[in-house]
Amino acid sequence: ARANAPVLRGSSRQRVPGALREAIGVKQLPVTGDQVRVAVEVDPDKAFYGRFQELGFHAVGSKRVGGGLRARPGKLRQRVDGGSARFVPGLHFLQHAFDANQAAIATEVVSKVKAVIDKANA
């Protein structure tokens, strides 16, 4: 996932080139019953914009888009249709990394779970 992550071309005080790649990590989710779950996530404290790069966003400029849960999507659509905003599609770099390595991930998880079970039975 880190290799697929986009790198910022310029830099500013809030954004540093390579910060998104460094912010990608793996964490274990709470165990529920007999399920062990892990998640790949982007640390929002290091790169708050990782979610926008993955899923896409509406570039609206400095004008605030008002509205609540039901009205906001319609207002965004009006702005996109009117030309005062545009939708920037997501890069889906995390999804592509998962799709490419799904078999290897499953094999590794199974081997680690077997090792823990063997250790517990010994």
PDB file of N, CA and C in Angstrom:
ATOM      1  N   ALA A   1       0.823  -1.188   0.000  1.00  0.00           N
ATOM      2  CA  ALA A   1       0.000   0.000   0.000  1.00  0.00           C
ATOM      3  C   ALA A   1       0.866   1.251   0.000  1.00  0.00           C
ATOM      4  N   ARG A   2       1.969   1.185   0.721  1.00  0.00           N
ATOM      5  CA  ARG A   2       2.849   2.361   0.765  1.00  0.00           C
ATOM      6  C   ARG A   2       3.443   2.670  -0.605  1.00  0.00           C
ATOM      7  N   ALA A   3       3.774   1.640  -1.359  1.00  0.00           N
ATOM      8  CA  ALA A   3       4.371   1.874  -2.676  1.00  0.00           C
ATOM      9  C   ALA A   3       3.366   2.515  -3.631  1.00  0.00           C
ATOM     10  N   ASN A   4       2.080   2.220  -3.462  1.00  0.00           N
ATOM     11  CA  ASN A   4       1.049   2.770  -4.347  1.00  0.00           C
ATOM     12  C   ASN A   4       0.580   4.154  -3.926  1.00  0.00           C
ATOM     13  N   ALA A   5       0.908   4.587  -2.729  1.00  0.00           N
ATOM     14  CA  ALA A   5       0.406   5.867  -2.220  1.00  0.00           C
ATOM     15  C   ALA A   5       0.992   7.033  -3.011  1.00  0.00           C
ATOM     16  N   PRO A   6       0.168   8.034  -3.307  1.00  0.00           N
ATOM     17  CA  PRO A   6       0.669   9.190  -4.044  1.00  0.00           C
ATOM     18  C   PRO A   6       1.616  10.024  -3.185  1.00  0.00           C
ATOM     19  N   VAL A   7       2.563  10.686  -3.831  1.00  0.00           N
ATOM     20  CA  VAL A   7       3.523  11.549  -3.131  1.00  0.00           C
ATOM     21  C   VAL A   7       3.246  12.982  -3.547  1.00  0.00           C
ATOM     22  N   LEU A   8       3.206  13.861  -2.588  1.00  0.00           N
ATOM     23  CA  LEU A   8       2.939  15.279  -2.816  1.00  0.00           C
ATOM     24  C   LEU A   8       4.071  15.901  -3.631  1.00  0.00           C
ATOM     25  N   ARG A   9       3.729  16.684  -4.632  1.00  0.00           N
ATOM     26  CA  ARG A   9       4.751  17.292  -5.479  1.00  0.00           C
ATOM     27  C   ARG A   9       5.372  18.517  -4.818  1.00  0.00           C
ATOM     28  N   GLY A  10       4.552  19.377  -4.248  1.00  0.00           N
ATOM     29  CA  GLY A  10       5.051  20.552  -3.547  1.00  0.00           C
ATOM     30  C   GLY A  10       4.961  20.315  -2.060  1.00  0.00           C
ATOM     31  N   SER A  11       5.302  21.309  -1.272  1.00  0.00           N
ATOM     32  CA  SER A  11       5.182  21.159   0.174  1.00  0.00           C
ATOM     33  C   SER A  11       4.708  22.464   0.792  1.00  0.00           C
ATOM     34  N   SER A  12       4.121  22.352   1.956  1.00  0.00           N
ATOM     35  CA  SER A  12       3.701  23.507   2.721  1.00  0.00           C
ATOM     36  C   SER A  12       3.902  23.176   4.187  1.00  0.00           C
ATOM     37  N   ARG A  13       3.490  24.070   5.069  1.00  0.00           N
ATOM     38  CA  ARG A  13       3.673  23.824   6.492  1.00  0.00           C
ATOM     39  C   ARG A  13       2.891  22.603   6.961  1.00  0.00           C
ATOM     40  N   GLN A  14       1.669  22.429   6.456  1.00  0.00           N
ATOM     41  CA  GLN A  14       0.812  21.338   6.908  1.00  0.00           C
ATOM     42  C   GLN A  14       1.082  20.032   6.186  1.00  0.00           C
ATOM     43  N   ARG A  15       1.600  20.099   4.978  1.00  0.00           N
ATOM     44  CA  ARG A  15       1.755  18.879   4.174  1.00  0.00           C
ATOM     45  C   ARG A  15       3.205  18.706   3.748  1.00  0.00           C
ATOM     46  N   VAL A  16       3.724  17.524   3.972  1.00  0.00           N
ATOM     47  CA  VAL A  16       5.120  17.209   3.683  1.00  0.00           C
ATOM     48  C   VAL A  16       5.153  16.067   2.667  1.00  0.00           C
ATOM     49  N   PRO A  17       5.993  16.143   1.637  1.00  0.00           N
ATOM     50  CA  PRO A  17       6.076  15.033   0.693  1.00  0.00           C
ATOM     51  C   PRO A  17       6.452  13.732   1.396  1.00  0.00           C
ATOM     52  N   GLY A  18       5.740  12.655   1.087  1.00  0.00           N
ATOM     53  CA  GLY A  18       6.011  11.361   1.682  1.00  0.00           C
ATOM     54  C   GLY A  18       5.289  11.102   2.987  1.00  0.00           C
ATOM     55  N   ALA A  19       4.557  12.081   3.507  1.00  0.00           N
ATOM     56  CA  ALA A  19       3.866  11.907   4.791  1.00  0.00           C
ATOM     57  C   ALA A  19       2.756  10.870   4.686  1.00  0.00           C
ATOM     58  N   LEU A  20       2.092  10.817   3.548  1.00  0.00           N
ATOM     59  CA  LEU A  20       1.011   9.841   3.382  1.00  0.00           C
ATOM     60  C   LEU A  20       1.560   8.416   3.399  1.00  0.00           C
ATOM     61  N   ARG A  21       2.687   8.197   2.754  1.00  0.00           N
ATOM     62  CA  ARG A  21       3.288   6.861   2.765  1.00  0.00           C
ATOM     63  C   ARG A  21       3.700   6.445   4.166  1.00  0.00           C
ATOM     64  N   GLU A  22       4.226   7.379   4.937  1.00  0.00           N
ATOM     65  CA  GLU A  22       4.643   7.069   6.301  1.00  0.00           C
ATOM     66  C   GLU A  22       3.455   6.842   7.226  1.00  0.00           C
ATOM     67  N   ALA A  23       2.310   7.422   6.896  1.00  0.00           N
ATOM     68  CA  ALA A  23       1.139   7.343   7.767  1.00  0.00           C
ATOM     69  C   ALA A  23       0.355   6.046   7.606  1.00  0.00           C
ATOM     70  N   ILE A  24       0.677   5.247   6.604  1.00  0.00           N
ATOM     71  CA  ILE A  24      -0.048   3.998   6.378  1.00  0.00           C
ATOM     72  C   ILE A  24       0.489   2.943   7.341  1.00  0.00           C
ATOM     73  N   GLY A  25      -0.430   2.314   8.064  1.00  0.00           N
ATOM     74  CA  GLY A  25      -0.022   1.295   9.025  1.00  0.00           C
ATOM     75  C   GLY A  25      -1.072   0.212   9.161  1.00  0.00           C
ATOM     76  N   VAL A  26      -0.725  -0.834   9.891  1.00  0.00           N
ATOM     77  CA  VAL A  26      -1.618  -1.958  10.132  1.00  0.00           C
ATOM     78  C   VAL A  26      -1.906  -2.007  11.622  1.00  0.00           C
ATOM     79  N   LYS A  27      -3.167  -2.197  11.973  1.00  0.00           N
ATOM     80  CA  LYS A  27      -3.509  -2.333  13.379  1.00  0.00           C
ATOM     81  C   LYS A  27      -4.483  -3.492  13.550  1.00  0.00           C
ATOM     82  N   GLN A  28      -4.463  -4.075  14.734  1.00  0.00           N
ATOM     83  CA  GLN A  28      -5.375  -5.169  15.037  1.00  0.00           C
ATOM     84  C   GLN A  28      -6.658  -4.578  15.601  1.00  0.00           C
ATOM     85  N   LEU A  29      -7.777  -5.018  15.077  1.00  0.00           N
ATOM     86  CA  LEU A  29      -9.074  -4.586  15.574  1.00  0.00           C
ATOM     87  C   LEU A  29      -9.463  -5.448  16.769  1.00  0.00           C
ATOM     88  N   PRO A  30     -10.414  -5.014  17.568  1.00  0.00           N
ATOM     89  CA  PRO A  30     -10.826  -5.818  18.724  1.00  0.00           C
ATOM     90  C   PRO A  30     -11.294  -7.214  18.312  1.00  0.00           C
ATOM     91  N   VAL A  31     -10.926  -8.198  19.114  1.00  0.00           N
ATOM     92  CA  VAL A  31     -11.302  -9.582  18.845  1.00  0.00           C
ATOM     93  C   VAL A  31     -12.751  -9.777  19.273  1.00  0.00           C
ATOM     94  N   THR A  32     -13.558 -10.306  18.359  1.00  0.00           N
ATOM     95  CA  THR A  32     -14.967 -10.580  18.669  1.00  0.00           C
ATOM     96  C   THR A  32     -15.220 -12.059  18.488  1.00  0.00           C
ATOM     97  N   GLY A  33     -15.467 -12.739  19.586  1.00  0.00           N
ATOM     98  CA  GLY A  33     -15.727 -14.173  19.516  1.00  0.00           C
ATOM     99  C   GLY A  33     -14.496 -14.912  19.030  1.00  0.00           C
ATOM    100  N   ASP A  34     -14.614 -15.603  17.904  1.00  0.00           N
ATOM    101  CA  ASP A  34     -13.495 -16.352  17.357  1.00  0.00           C
ATOM    102  C   ASP A  34     -12.881 -15.669  16.135  1.00  0.00           C
ATOM    103  N   GLN A  35     -13.176 -14.389  15.935  1.00  0.00           N
ATOM    104  CA  GLN A  35     -12.664 -13.672  14.777  1.00  0.00           C
ATOM    105  C   GLN A  35     -11.499 -12.775  15.178  1.00  0.00           C
ATOM    106  N   VAL A  36     -10.428 -12.850  14.403  1.00  0.00           N
ATOM    107  CA  VAL A  36      -9.299 -11.940  14.547  1.00  0.00           C
ATOM    108  C   VAL A  36      -9.309 -11.050  13.323  1.00  0.00           C
ATOM    109  N   ARG A  37      -9.358  -9.746  13.542  1.00  0.00           N
ATOM    110  CA  ARG A  37      -9.451  -8.820  12.417  1.00  0.00           C
ATOM    111  C   ARG A  37      -8.306  -7.818  12.464  1.00  0.00           C
ATOM    112  N   VAL A  38      -7.818  -7.448  11.295  1.00  0.00           N
ATOM    113  CA  VAL A  38      -6.795  -6.418  11.173  1.00  0.00           C
ATOM    114  C   VAL A  38      -7.275  -5.400  10.152  1.00  0.00           C
ATOM    115  N   ALA A  39      -6.717  -4.200  10.236  1.00  0.00           N
ATOM    116  CA  ALA A  39      -7.100  -3.140   9.311  1.00  0.00           C
ATOM    117  C   ALA A  39      -5.861  -2.379   8.875  1.00  0.00           C
ATOM    118  N   VAL A  40      -5.844  -1.986   7.617  1.00  0.00           N
ATOM    119  CA  VAL A  40      -4.821  -1.083   7.110  1.00  0.00           C
ATOM    120  C   VAL A  40      -5.456   0.296   7.127  1.00  0.00           C
ATOM    121  N   GLU A  41      -4.784   1.235   7.764  1.00  0.00           N
ATOM    122  CA  GLU A  41      -5.376   2.565   7.885  1.00  0.00           C
ATOM    123  C   GLU A  41      -4.322   3.642   7.689  1.00  0.00           C
ATOM    124  N   VAL A  42      -4.809   4.836   7.429  1.00  0.00           N
ATOM    125  CA  VAL A  42      -3.963   6.004   7.304  1.00  0.00           C
ATOM    126  C   VAL A  42      -4.135   6.820   8.572  1.00  0.00           C
ATOM    127  N   ASP A  43      -3.035   7.088   9.258  1.00  0.00           N
ATOM    128  CA  ASP A  43      -3.077   7.852  10.509  1.00  0.00           C
ATOM    129  C   ASP A  43      -3.493   9.288  10.209  1.00  0.00           C
ATOM    130  N   PRO A  44      -4.665   9.732  10.687  1.00  0.00           N
ATOM    131  CA  PRO A  44      -5.128  11.080  10.352  1.00  0.00           C
ATOM    132  C   PRO A  44      -4.297  12.189  10.996  1.00  0.00           C
ATOM    133  N   ASP A  45      -3.534  11.870  12.035  1.00  0.00           N
ATOM    134  CA  ASP A  45      -2.689  12.892  12.647  1.00  0.00           C
ATOM    135  C   ASP A  45      -1.476  13.213  11.790  1.00  0.00           C
ATOM    136  N   LYS A  46      -1.040  12.246  10.990  1.00  0.00           N
ATOM    137  CA  LYS A  46       0.133  12.456  10.136  1.00  0.00           C
ATOM    138  C   LYS A  46      -0.250  12.934   8.742  1.00  0.00           C
ATOM    139  N   ALA A  47      -1.348  12.400   8.190  1.00  0.00           N
ATOM    140  CA  ALA A  47      -1.787  12.769   6.842  1.00  0.00           C
ATOM    141  C   ALA A  47      -3.311  12.749   6.820  1.00  0.00           C
ATOM    142  N   PHE A  48      -3.915  13.857   7.180  1.00  0.00           N
ATOM    143  CA  PHE A  48      -5.374  13.929   7.264  1.00  0.00           C
ATOM    144  C   PHE A  48      -6.046  13.725   5.912  1.00  0.00           C
ATOM    145  N   TYR A  49      -5.341  13.966   4.839  1.00  0.00           N
ATOM    146  CA  TYR A  49      -5.927  13.929   3.505  1.00  0.00           C
ATOM    147  C   TYR A  49      -5.895  12.534   2.879  1.00  0.00           C
ATOM    148  N   GLY A  50      -5.406  11.519   3.598  1.00  0.00           N
ATOM    149  CA  GLY A  50      -5.324  10.166   3.054  1.00  0.00           C
ATOM    150  C   GLY A  50      -6.671   9.614   2.647  1.00  0.00           C
ATOM    151  N   ARG A  51      -7.688   9.897   3.436  1.00  0.00           N
ATOM    152  CA  ARG A  51      -9.036   9.418   3.115  1.00  0.00           C
ATOM    153  C   ARG A  51      -9.550  10.034   1.814  1.00  0.00           C
ATOM    154  N   PHE A  52      -9.252  11.312   1.617  1.00  0.00           N
ATOM    155  CA  PHE A  52      -9.707  11.990   0.409  1.00  0.00           C
ATOM    156  C   PHE A  52      -8.989  11.434  -0.824  1.00  0.00           C
ATOM    157  N   GLN A  53      -7.701  11.122  -0.685  1.00  0.00           N
ATOM    158  CA  GLN A  53      -6.955  10.560  -1.801  1.00  0.00           C
ATOM    159  C   GLN A  53      -7.465   9.167  -2.157  1.00  0.00           C
ATOM    160  N   GLU A  54      -7.872   8.398  -1.151  1.00  0.00           N
ATOM    161  CA  GLU A  54      -8.351   7.039  -1.386  1.00  0.00           C
ATOM    162  C   GLU A  54      -9.750   7.031  -1.994  1.00  0.00           C
ATOM    163  N   LEU A  55     -10.677   7.819  -1.448  1.00  0.00           N
ATOM    164  CA  LEU A  55     -12.086   7.728  -1.827  1.00  0.00           C
ATOM    165  C   LEU A  55     -12.555   8.793  -2.802  1.00  0.00           C
ATOM    166  N   GLY A  56     -11.817   9.898  -2.928  1.00  0.00           N
ATOM    167  CA  GLY A  56     -12.238  10.995  -3.788  1.00  0.00           C
ATOM    168  C   GLY A  56     -12.864  12.117  -2.974  1.00  0.00           C
ATOM    169  N   PHE A  57     -13.005  13.292  -3.588  1.00  0.00           N
ATOM    170  CA  PHE A  57     -13.555  14.443  -2.883  1.00  0.00           C
ATOM    171  C   PHE A  57     -14.085  15.462  -3.880  1.00  0.00           C
ATOM    172  N   HIS A  58     -14.888  16.381  -3.372  1.00  0.00           N
ATOM    173  CA  HIS A  58     -15.389  17.490  -4.175  1.00  0.00           C
ATOM    174  C   HIS A  58     -14.497  18.704  -3.922  1.00  0.00           C
ATOM    175  N   ALA A  59     -13.880  19.224  -4.970  1.00  0.00           N
ATOM    176  CA  ALA A  59     -13.079  20.435  -4.860  1.00  0.00           C
ATOM    177  C   ALA A  59     -14.010  21.616  -5.065  1.00  0.00           C
ATOM    178  N   VAL A  60     -14.326  22.320  -3.986  1.00  0.00           N
ATOM    179  CA  VAL A  60     -15.305  23.406  -4.054  1.00  0.00           C
ATOM    180  C   VAL A  60     -14.668  24.776  -3.900  1.00  0.00           C
ATOM    181  N   GLY A  61     -13.379  24.850  -3.676  1.00  0.00           N
ATOM    182  CA  GLY A  61     -12.730  26.133  -3.483  1.00  0.00           C
ATOM    183  C   GLY A  61     -12.950  26.642  -2.077  1.00  0.00           C
ATOM    184  N   SER A  62     -12.899  27.952  -1.919  1.00  0.00           N
ATOM    185  CA  SER A  62     -13.008  28.537  -0.583  1.00  0.00           C
ATOM    186  C   SER A  62     -14.457  28.737  -0.135  1.00  0.00           C
ATOM    187  N   LYS A  63     -15.410  28.531  -1.042  1.00  0.00           N
ATOM    188  CA  LYS A  63     -16.813  28.727  -0.678  1.00  0.00           C
ATOM    189  C   LYS A  63     -17.325  27.527   0.110  1.00  0.00           C
ATOM    190  N   ARG A  64     -18.010  27.800   1.197  1.00  0.00           N
ATOM    191  CA  ARG A  64     -18.535  26.743   2.041  1.00  0.00           C
ATOM    192  C   ARG A  64     -19.817  26.186   1.427  1.00  0.00           C
ATOM    193  N   VAL A  65     -19.945  24.869   1.464  1.00  0.00           N
ATOM    194  CA  VAL A  65     -21.159  24.223   0.987  1.00  0.00           C
ATOM    195  C   VAL A  65     -22.000  23.910   2.206  1.00  0.00           C
ATOM    196  N   GLY A  66     -23.122  24.596   2.326  1.00  0.00           N
ATOM    197  CA  GLY A  66     -23.987  24.388   3.476  1.00  0.00           C
ATOM    198  C   GLY A  66     -24.904  23.202   3.278  1.00  0.00           C
ATOM    199  N   GLY A  67     -25.813  23.058   4.206  1.00  0.00           N
ATOM    200  CA  GLY A  67     -26.779  21.984   4.096  1.00  0.00           C
ATOM    201  C   GLY A  67     -26.498  20.877   5.079  1.00  0.00           C
ATOM    202  N   GLY A  68     -27.501  20.096   5.311  1.00  0.00           N
ATOM    203  CA  GLY A  68     -27.373  18.983   6.237  1.00  0.00           C
ATOM    204  C   GLY A  68     -27.125  17.689   5.509  1.00  0.00           C
ATOM    205  N   LEU A  69     -27.472  16.601   6.169  1.00  0.00           N
ATOM    206  CA  LEU A  69     -27.213  15.271   5.637  1.00  0.00           C
ATOM    207  C   LEU A  69     -27.936  15.028   4.310  1.00  0.00           C
ATOM    208  N   ARG A  70     -29.149  15.547   4.185  1.00  0.00           N
ATOM    209  CA  ARG A  70     -29.914  15.324   2.948  1.00  0.00           C
ATOM    210  C   ARG A  70     -29.694  16.396   1.899  1.00  0.00           C
ATOM    211  N   ALA A  71     -29.447  17.631   2.305  1.00  0.00           N
ATOM    212  CA  ALA A  71     -29.349  18.735   1.348  1.00  0.00           C
ATOM    213  C   ALA A  71     -27.955  18.869   0.730  1.00  0.00           C
ATOM    214  N   ARG A  72     -26.921  18.510   1.460  1.00  0.00           N
ATOM    215  CA  ARG A  72     -25.555  18.724   0.979  1.00  0.00           C
ATOM    216  C   ARG A  72     -25.243  18.001  -0.332  1.00  0.00           C
ATOM    217  N   PRO A  73     -25.596  16.725  -0.504  1.00  0.00           N
ATOM    218  CA  PRO A  73     -25.283  16.072  -1.788  1.00  0.00           C
ATOM    219  C   PRO A  73     -25.918  16.779  -2.984  1.00  0.00           C
ATOM    220  N   GLY A  74     -27.140  17.264  -2.829  1.00  0.00           N
ATOM    221  CA  GLY A  74     -27.797  17.980  -3.916  1.00  0.00           C
ATOM    222  C   GLY A  74     -27.101  19.290  -4.235  1.00  0.00           C
ATOM    223  N   LYS A  75     -26.651  19.989  -3.197  1.00  0.00           N
ATOM    224  CA  LYS A  75     -25.941  21.247  -3.421  1.00  0.00           C
ATOM    225  C   LYS A  75     -24.592  21.008  -4.092  1.00  0.00           C
ATOM    226  N   LEU A  76     -23.913  19.950  -3.704  1.00  0.00           N
ATOM    227  CA  LEU A  76     -22.651  19.626  -4.362  1.00  0.00           C
ATOM    228  C   LEU A  76     -22.876  19.285  -5.827  1.00  0.00           C
ATOM    229  N   ARG A  77     -23.925  18.517  -6.118  1.00  0.00           N
ATOM    230  CA  ARG A  77     -24.240  18.149  -7.494  1.00  0.00           C
ATOM    231  C   ARG A  77     -24.544  19.397  -8.322  1.00  0.00           C
ATOM    232  N   GLN A  78     -25.279  20.370  -7.741  1.00  0.00           N
ATOM    233  CA  GLN A  78     -25.578  21.613  -8.448  1.00  0.00           C
ATOM    234  C   GLN A  78     -24.305  22.370  -8.789  1.00  0.00           C
ATOM    235  N   ARG A  79     -23.368  22.404  -7.849  1.00  0.00           N
ATOM    236  CA  ARG A  79     -22.120  23.110  -8.102  1.00  0.00           C
ATOM    237  C   ARG A  79     -21.286  22.422  -9.170  1.00  0.00           C
ATOM    238  N   VAL A  80     -21.252  21.097  -9.139  1.00  0.00           N
ATOM    239  CA  VAL A  80     -20.497  20.361 -10.149  1.00  0.00           C
ATOM    240  C   VAL A  80     -21.134  20.576 -11.524  1.00  0.00           C
ATOM    241  N   ASP A  81     -22.459  20.485 -11.601  1.00  0.00           N
ATOM    242  CA  ASP A  81     -23.160  20.703 -12.873  1.00  0.00           C
ATOM    243  C   ASP A  81     -23.002  22.134 -13.361  1.00  0.00           C
ATOM    244  N   GLY A  82     -22.937  23.091 -12.429  1.00  0.00           N
ATOM    245  CA  GLY A  82     -22.798  24.494 -12.799  1.00  0.00           C
ATOM    246  C   GLY A  82     -21.381  24.908 -13.118  1.00  0.00           C
ATOM    247  N   GLY A  83     -20.419  24.064 -12.823  1.00  0.00           N
ATOM    248  CA  GLY A  83     -19.032  24.381 -13.153  1.00  0.00           C
ATOM    249  C   GLY A  83     -18.270  25.102 -12.059  1.00  0.00           C
ATOM    250  N   SER A  84     -18.890  25.340 -10.895  1.00  0.00           N
ATOM    251  CA  SER A  84     -18.179  26.041  -9.832  1.00  0.00           C
ATOM    252  C   SER A  84     -17.465  25.078  -8.879  1.00  0.00           C
ATOM    253  N   ALA A  85     -17.600  23.781  -9.103  1.00  0.00           N
ATOM    254  CA  ALA A  85     -16.902  22.766  -8.320  1.00  0.00           C
ATOM    255  C   ALA A  85     -16.641  21.572  -9.225  1.00  0.00           C
ATOM    256  N   ARG A  86     -15.747  20.702  -8.788  1.00  0.00           N
ATOM    257  CA  ARG A  86     -15.492  19.498  -9.560  1.00  0.00           C
ATOM    258  C   ARG A  86     -15.264  18.344  -8.597  1.00  0.00           C
ATOM    259  N   PHE A  87     -15.579  17.148  -9.063  1.00  0.00           N
ATOM    260  CA  PHE A  87     -15.339  15.951  -8.270  1.00  0.00           C
ATOM    261  C   PHE A  87     -14.008  15.355  -8.684  1.00  0.00           C
ATOM    262  N   VAL A  88     -13.123  15.159  -7.727  1.00  0.00           N
ATOM    263  CA  VAL A  88     -11.827  14.539  -7.973  1.00  0.00           C
ATOM    264  C   VAL A  88     -11.950  13.081  -7.553  1.00  0.00           C
ATOM    265  N   PRO A  89     -11.888  12.143  -8.484  1.00  0.00           N
ATOM    266  CA  PRO A  89     -12.067  10.727  -8.124  1.00  0.00           C
ATOM    267  C   PRO A  89     -10.908  10.208  -7.284  1.00  0.00           C
ATOM    268  N   GLY A  90     -11.206   9.223  -6.469  1.00  0.00           N
ATOM    269  CA  GLY A  90     -10.191   8.637  -5.606  1.00  0.00           C
ATOM    270  C   GLY A  90      -9.194   7.791  -6.378  1.00  0.00           C
ATOM    271  N   LEU A  91      -8.012   7.628  -5.796  1.00  0.00           N
ATOM    272  CA  LEU A  91      -6.962   6.828  -6.419  1.00  0.00           C
ATOM    273  C   LEU A  91      -7.050   5.360  -6.023  1.00  0.00           C
ATOM    274  N   HIS A  92      -7.734   5.056  -4.935  1.00  0.00           N
ATOM    275  CA  HIS A  92      -7.959   3.687  -4.451  1.00  0.00           C
ATOM    276  C   HIS A  92      -6.657   2.896  -4.314  1.00  0.00           C
ATOM    277  N   PHE A  93      -5.601   3.554  -3.806  1.00  0.00           N
ATOM    278  CA  PHE A  93      -4.318   2.875  -3.691  1.00  0.00           C
ATOM    279  C   PHE A  93      -4.332   1.775  -2.633  1.00  0.00           C
ATOM    280  N   LEU A  94      -5.114   1.928  -1.569  1.00  0.00           N
ATOM    281  CA  LEU A  94      -5.210   0.869  -0.565  1.00  0.00           C
ATOM    282  C   LEU A  94      -5.975  -0.332  -1.117  1.00  0.00           C
ATOM    283  N   GLN A  95      -7.055  -0.070  -1.833  1.00  0.00           N
ATOM    284  CA  GLN A  95      -7.849  -1.162  -2.415  1.00  0.00           C
ATOM    285  C   GLN A  95      -7.043  -1.943  -3.451  1.00  0.00           C
ATOM    286  N   HIS A  96      -6.287  -1.232  -4.281  1.00  0.00           N
ATOM    287  CA  HIS A  96      -5.473  -1.904  -5.292  1.00  0.00           C
ATOM    288  C   HIS A  96      -4.387  -2.765  -4.631  1.00  0.00           C
ATOM    289  N   ALA A  97      -3.789  -2.263  -3.561  1.00  0.00           N
ATOM    290  CA  ALA A  97      -2.763  -3.035  -2.859  1.00  0.00           C
ATOM    291  C   ALA A  97      -3.368  -4.296  -2.242  1.00  0.00           C
ATOM    292  N   PHE A  98      -4.554  -4.172  -1.684  1.00  0.00           N
ATOM    293  CA  PHE A  98      -5.216  -5.344  -1.103  1.00  0.00           C
ATOM    294  C   PHE A  98      -5.561  -6.362  -2.176  1.00  0.00           C
ATOM    295  N   ASP A  99      -6.118  -5.901  -3.283  1.00  0.00           N
ATOM    296  CA  ASP A  99      -6.489  -6.815  -4.368  1.00  0.00           C
ATOM    297  C   ASP A  99      -5.270  -7.558  -4.923  1.00  0.00           C
ATOM    298  N   ALA A 100      -4.138  -6.871  -5.016  1.00  0.00           N
ATOM    299  CA  ALA A 100      -2.942  -7.483  -5.580  1.00  0.00           C
ATOM    300  C   ALA A 100      -2.314  -8.503  -4.633  1.00  0.00           C
ATOM    301  N   ASN A 101      -2.477  -8.310  -3.328  1.00  0.00           N
ATOM    302  CA  ASN A 101      -1.793  -9.159  -2.350  1.00  0.00           C
ATOM    303  C   ASN A 101      -2.740  -9.997  -1.514  1.00  0.00           C
ATOM    304  N   GLN A 102      -3.955 -10.180  -1.947  1.00  0.00           N
ATOM    305  CA  GLN A 102      -4.969 -10.863  -1.143  1.00  0.00           C
ATOM    306  C   GLN A 102      -4.568 -12.299  -0.799  1.00  0.00           C
ATOM    307  N   ALA A 103      -4.047 -13.044  -1.744  1.00  0.00           N
ATOM    308  CA  ALA A 103      -3.663 -14.437  -1.483  1.00  0.00           C
ATOM    309  C   ALA A 103      -2.497 -14.509  -0.499  1.00  0.00           C
ATOM    310  N   ALA A 104      -1.512 -13.639  -0.672  1.00  0.00           N
ATOM    311  CA  ALA A 104      -0.362 -13.633   0.233  1.00  0.00           C
ATOM    312  C   ALA A 104      -0.778 -13.237   1.650  1.00  0.00           C
ATOM    313  N   ILE A 105      -1.693 -12.298   1.760  1.00  0.00           N
ATOM    314  CA  ILE A 105      -2.181 -11.867   3.070  1.00  0.00           C
ATOM    315  C   ILE A 105      -2.894 -13.016   3.759  1.00  0.00           C
ATOM    316  N   ALA A 106      -3.745 -13.724   3.043  1.00  0.00           N
ATOM    317  CA  ALA A 106      -4.481 -14.846   3.636  1.00  0.00           C
ATOM    318  C   ALA A 106      -3.528 -15.944   4.090  1.00  0.00           C
ATOM    319  N   THR A 107      -2.523 -16.256   3.295  1.00  0.00           N
ATOM    320  CA  THR A 107      -1.555 -17.279   3.658  1.00  0.00           C
ATOM    321  C   THR A 107      -0.788 -16.890   4.922  1.00  0.00           C
ATOM    322  N   GLU A 108      -0.381 -15.639   4.998  1.00  0.00           N
ATOM    323  CA  GLU A 108       0.375 -15.178   6.167  1.00  0.00           C
ATOM    324  C   GLU A 108      -0.478 -15.196   7.434  1.00  0.00           C
ATOM    325  N   VAL A 109      -1.726 -14.772   7.323  1.00  0.00           N
ATOM    326  CA  VAL A 109      -2.618 -14.776   8.481  1.00  0.00           C
ATOM    327  C   VAL A 109      -2.846 -16.194   8.973  1.00  0.00           C
ATOM    328  N   VAL A 110      -3.073 -17.127   8.062  1.00  0.00           N
ATOM    329  CA  VAL A 110      -3.298 -18.517   8.444  1.00  0.00           C
ATOM    330  C   VAL A 110      -2.062 -19.098   9.123  1.00  0.00           C
ATOM    331  N   SER A 111      -0.886 -18.817   8.601  1.00  0.00           N
ATOM    332  CA  SER A 111       0.337 -19.354   9.204  1.00  0.00           C
ATOM    333  C   SER A 111       0.572 -18.781  10.597  1.00  0.00           C
ATOM    334  N   LYS A 112       0.278 -17.496  10.785  1.00  0.00           N
ATOM    335  CA  LYS A 112       0.462 -16.894  12.110  1.00  0.00           C
ATOM    336  C   LYS A 112      -0.567 -17.421  13.106  1.00  0.00           C
ATOM    337  N   VAL A 113      -1.782 -17.637  12.668  1.00  0.00           N
ATOM    338  CA  VAL A 113      -2.804 -18.184  13.555  1.00  0.00           C
ATOM    339  C   VAL A 113      -2.447 -19.615  13.949  1.00  0.00           C
ATOM    340  N   LYS A 114      -1.945 -20.403  12.988  1.00  0.00           N
ATOM    341  CA  LYS A 114      -1.514 -21.768  13.300  1.00  0.00           C
ATOM    342  C   LYS A 114      -0.384 -21.758  14.318  1.00  0.00           C
ATOM    343  N   ALA A 115       0.555 -20.824  14.169  1.00  0.00           N
ATOM    344  CA  ALA A 115       1.668 -20.738  15.107  1.00  0.00           C
ATOM    345  C   ALA A 115       1.178 -20.414  16.516  1.00  0.00           C
ATOM    346  N   VAL A 116       0.223 -19.509  16.633  1.00  0.00           N
ATOM    347  CA  VAL A 116      -0.332 -19.160  17.952  1.00  0.00           C
ATOM    348  C   VAL A 116      -1.081 -20.341  18.548  1.00  0.00           C
ATOM    349  N   ILE A 117      -1.807 -21.070  17.737  1.00  0.00           N
ATOM    350  CA  ILE A 117      -2.561 -22.244  18.236  1.00  0.00           C
ATOM    351  C   ILE A 117      -1.587 -23.331  18.682  1.00  0.00           C
ATOM    352  N   ASP A 118      -0.541 -23.580  17.891  1.00  0.00           N
ATOM    353  CA  ASP A 118       0.453 -24.586  18.268  1.00  0.00           C
ATOM    354  C   ASP A 118       1.165 -24.208  19.567  1.00  0.00           C
ATOM    355  N   LYS A 119       1.462 -22.920  19.724  1.00  0.00           N
ATOM    356  CA  LYS A 119       2.120 -22.440  20.946  1.00  0.00           C
ATOM    357  C   LYS A 119       1.200 -22.624  22.158  1.00  0.00           C
ATOM    358  N   ALA A 120      -0.088 -22.359  21.969  1.00  0.00           N
ATOM    359  CA  ALA A 120      -1.041 -22.500  23.071  1.00  0.00           C
ATOM    360  C   ALA A 120      -1.244 -23.971  23.437  1.00  0.00           C
ATOM    361  N   ASN A 121      -1.194 -24.869  22.454  1.00  0.00           N
ATOM    362  CA  ASN A 121      -1.382 -26.302  22.713  1.00  0.00           C
ATOM    363  C   ASN A 121      -0.141 -26.964  23.279  1.00  0.00           C
ATOM    364  N   ALA A 122       1.005 -26.354  23.146  1.00  0.00           N
ATOM    365  CA  ALA A 122       2.251 -26.968  23.614  1.00  0.00           C
ATOM    366  C   ALA A 122       2.427 -26.870  25.110  1.00  0.00           C
TER     367      ALA A 122
END
